[in-house]
C-alpha atoms as a PDB file:
ATOM      1  CA  MET A   1       3.879  49.822 -21.753  1.00  0.00           C
ATOM      2  CA  ASP A   2       6.667  47.288 -21.283  1.00  0.00           C
ATOM      3  CA  MET A   3       5.753  46.853 -17.621  1.00  0.00           C
ATOM      4  CA  ASP A   4       2.154  46.015 -18.546  1.00  0.00           C
ATOM      5  CA  LYS A   5       3.351  43.350 -20.947  1.00  0.00           C
ATOM      6  CA  GLU A   6       5.575  41.840 -18.249  1.00  0.00           C
ATOM      7  CA  LEU A   7       2.677  41.756 -15.794  1.00  0.00           C
ATOM      8  CA  GLN A   8       0.506  39.936 -18.314  1.00  0.00           C
ATOM      9  CA  ASP A   9       3.348  37.482 -18.932  1.00  0.00           C
ATOM     10  CA  ILE A  10       3.691  36.815 -15.192  1.00  0.00           C
ATOM     11  CA  LYS A  11      -0.085  36.361 -14.868  1.00  0.00           C
ATOM     12  CA  ALA A  12      -0.108  33.919 -17.788  1.00  0.00           C
ATOM     13  CA  ARG A  13       2.750  31.954 -16.215  1.00  0.00           C
ATOM     14  CA  LEU A  14       0.994  31.854 -12.855  1.00  0.00           C
ATOM     15  CA  SER A  15      -2.246  30.625 -14.373  1.00  0.00           C
ATOM     16  CA  ALA A  16      -0.317  27.941 -16.288  1.00  0.00           C
ATOM     17  CA  ILE A  17       1.378  26.823 -13.070  1.00  0.00           C
ATOM     18  CA  GLU A  18      -1.979  26.851 -11.293  1.00  0.00           C
ATOM     19  CA  SER A  19      -3.647  24.698 -13.953  1.00  0.00           C
ATOM     20  CA  GLY A  20      -0.692  22.311 -13.804  1.00  0.00           C
ATOM     21  CA  MET A  21      -1.069  22.086 -10.034  1.00  0.00           C
ATOM     22  CA  ASN A  22      -4.796  21.438 -10.347  1.00  0.00           C
ATOM     23  CA  GLN A  23      -4.109  18.671 -12.848  1.00  0.00           C
ATOM     24  CA  ARG A  24      -1.529  17.167 -10.513  1.00  0.00           C
ATOM     25  CA  ARG A  25      -3.975  17.447  -7.622  1.00  0.00           C
ATOM     26  CA  SER A  26      -6.682  15.602  -9.560  1.00  0.00           C
ATOM     27  CA  ILE A  27      -4.159  12.868 -10.432  1.00  0.00           C
ATOM     28  CA  PHE A  28      -3.221  12.736  -6.733  1.00  0.00           C
ATOM     29  CA  ALA A  29      -6.887  12.531  -5.741  1.00  0.00           C
ATOM     30  CA  SER A  30      -7.707   9.768  -8.228  1.00  0.00           C
ATOM     31  CA  TYR A  31      -4.650   7.587  -7.518  1.00  0.00           C
ATOM     32  CA  VAL A  32      -3.507   8.273  -3.959  1.00  0.00           C
ATOM     33  CA  TRP A  33      -6.766   8.626  -2.031  1.00  0.00           C
ATOM     34  CA  PRO A  34      -8.124   5.156  -2.887  1.00  0.00           C
ATOM     35  CA  PHE A  35      -4.763   3.712  -1.809  1.00  0.00           C
ATOM     36  CA  VAL A  36      -4.816   5.670   1.468  1.00  0.00           C
ATOM     37  CA  ILE A  37      -8.436   4.691   2.208  1.00  0.00           C
ATOM     38  CA  GLY A  38      -7.708   1.053   1.318  1.00  0.00           C
ATOM     39  CA  PHE A  39      -4.659   1.059   3.596  1.00  0.00           C
ATOM     40  CA  ILE A  40      -6.683   2.493   6.504  1.00  0.00           C
ATOM     41  CA  VAL A  41      -9.448  -0.093   5.982  1.00  0.00           C
ATOM     42  CA  PHE A  42      -6.773  -2.819   5.823  1.00  0.00           C
ATOM     43  CA  LEU A  43      -5.269  -1.634   9.138  1.00  0.00           C
ATOM     44  CA  VAL A  44      -8.691  -1.510  10.814  1.00  0.00           C
ATOM     45  CA  VAL A  45      -9.499  -5.047   9.622  1.00  0.00           C
ATOM     46  CA  ILE A  46      -6.148  -6.330  10.961  1.00  0.00           C
ATOM     47  CA  LEU A  47      -6.698  -4.601  14.314  1.00  0.00           C
ATOM     48  CA  VAL A  48     -10.247  -5.965  14.631  1.00  0.00           C
ATOM     49  CA  THR A  49      -9.077  -9.475  13.697  1.00  0.00           C
ATOM     50  CA  MET A  50      -6.232  -9.303  16.231  1.00  0.00           C
ATOM     51  CA  GLY A  51      -8.679  -8.064  18.862  1.00  0.00           C
ATOM     52  CA  ILE A  52     -11.078 -10.956  18.199  1.00  0.00           C
ATOM     53  CA  VAL A  53      -8.247 -13.511  18.229  1.00  0.00           C
ATOM     54  CA  HIS A  54      -6.898 -12.049  21.482  1.00  0.00           C
ATOM     55  CA  PHE A  55     -10.394 -12.036  22.995  1.00  0.00           C
ATOM     56  CA  ILE A  56     -10.976 -15.693  22.042  1.00  0.00           C
ATOM     57  CA  GLY A  57      -7.463 -16.588  23.225  1.00  0.00           C
ATOM     58  CA  THR A  58      -8.079 -15.178  26.719  1.00  0.00           C
ATOM     59  CA  GLN A  59     -11.419 -16.912  27.141  1.00  0.00           C
END
């Protein structure tokens, strides 16, 4: 009887941790991904610009 109660307690704790992780993941997805994508786009733009400048410079 006591063991069953402990198992339920552990399950409840795990589900609470899981929901917390999901919440954190959604925060991560909404704040970090746009930053990462923006940074990658920024790098690509810089590389393309440098390539064009180098190309014009060697002409």
